[in-house]
Protein backbone atom coordinates (compact mmCIF):
# COMPACT_ATOMS: atom_id res chain seq x y z
CA MET A 1 1.58 12.19 40.79
CA LEU A 2 1.35 13.31 37.11
CA ALA A 3 4.59 11.54 37.07
CA ALA A 4 3.92 8.49 37.77
CA SER A 5 0.90 8.14 35.13
CA CYS A 6 2.47 9.87 32.22
CA TRP A 7 5.38 6.53 33.08
CA TYR A 8 2.09 4.10 32.97
CA VAL A 9 0.77 5.80 29.55
CA ALA A 10 3.73 6.53 27.58
CA PRO A 11 7.22 5.64 29.49
CA GLY A 12 9.31 7.80 26.27
CA ALA A 13 7.21 10.66 27.32
CA VAL A 14 8.88 10.89 30.80
CA TRP A 15 12.75 10.80 29.16
CA PHE A 16 11.64 13.33 26.78
CA TRP A 17 10.41 16.06 29.54
CA ALA A 18 13.33 15.14 31.62
CA PRO A 19 15.86 17.42 30.66
CA LEU A 20 12.87 21.07 30.47
CA ILE A 21 11.83 19.06 34.79
CA VAL A 22 15.33 18.44 35.76
CA GLY A 23 16.36 22.45 34.60
CA LEU A 24 13.36 23.98 35.80
CA ALA A 25 13.37 22.08 39.37
CA GLY A 26 17.48 22.72 39.65
CA ALA A 27 17.45 26.65 38.89
CA ILE A 28 15.89 27.77 41.68
CA PRO A 29 18.82 25.81 44.22
CA LEU A 30 21.44 27.02 41.45
CA ALA A 31 20.54 30.43 41.61
CA MET A 32 20.68 30.15 46.04
CA LEU A 33 23.79 28.62 46.02
CA THR A 34 25.62 31.34 43.83
CA ALA A 35 23.75 34.01 45.78
CA HIS A 36 25.40 32.76 48.87
CA PRO A 37 28.63 34.97 49.23
CA ARG A 38 30.60 31.89 50.39
CA ALA A 39 29.48 29.49 47.88
CA GLY A 40 29.61 32.24 45.37
CA ARG A 41 33.28 32.33 45.90
CA ALA A 42 33.83 28.86 46.16
CA LEU A 43 32.54 28.47 43.00
CA VAL A 44 34.35 31.13 41.17
CA ALA A 45 37.48 29.34 42.27
CA ALA A 46 36.62 25.78 40.78
CA GLY A 47 35.49 27.15 37.81
CA VAL A 48 31.97 26.38 37.68
CA CYS A 49 29.44 28.30 35.23
CA ARG A 50 31.93 30.01 33.37
CA VAL A 51 31.56 31.07 30.23
CA PRO A 52 34.72 30.66 27.66
CA GLU A 53 35.40 34.23 27.32
CA GLU A 54 36.12 34.26 31.29
CA LYS A 55 38.94 31.47 30.77
CA VAL A 56 40.63 32.76 28.11
CA PRO A 57 39.37 36.16 27.72
CA HIS A 58 39.72 38.20 23.86
CA GLY A 59 43.21 40.33 23.65
CA ALA A 60 42.85 43.85 24.92
CA THR A 61 44.10 44.98 20.96
CA TRP A 62 40.95 43.28 19.50
CA GLU A 63 38.92 45.93 17.37
CA ARG A 64 35.71 45.98 15.25
CA PRO A 65 36.39 46.09 11.90
CA ARG A 66 36.78 49.86 9.93
CA MET A 67 34.41 50.47 6.99
CA ALA A 68 34.62 53.30 5.10
CA ALA A 69 31.65 54.94 2.78
CA SER A 70 34.52 54.26 -0.32
CA ASP A 71 33.97 50.40 0.77
CA PHE A 72 30.36 50.53 -0.84
CA GLU A 73 29.47 50.53 -4.01
CA ARG A 74 27.42 53.43 -5.66
CA GLY A 75 23.81 52.36 -7.44
CA PRO A 76 20.25 52.99 -7.48
CA VAL A 77 18.33 53.05 -4.28
CA TYR A 78 15.18 51.17 -4.39
CA LEU A 79 12.49 52.58 -1.81
CA ALA A 80 9.38 50.08 -0.99
CA SER A 81 6.10 51.82 -1.43
CA SER A 82 2.51 50.73 0.33
CA GLU A 83 1.01 51.51 -3.36
CA ARG A 84 1.07 48.03 -5.34
CA SER A 85 1.49 48.81 -9.15
CA GLY A 86 -1.41 46.85 -11.03
């Protein structure tokens, strides 16, 4: 009823809100489907809902860049104070 009245008053608003409404309406059925063991395994086998790292994982040798204390320049340190100077 609300969607029909919105369509009558402002037809463009229905298309504007459609992605949000479809996403909210489809979230629970998708969660129920992926929670079912047999359906979940079938979706994994089909590659549904995968992130790119699951398709092609990063190499196991990737490491975080290391930083040493010598990488930083020494200089004055300014601390913020709660007192305001006039």
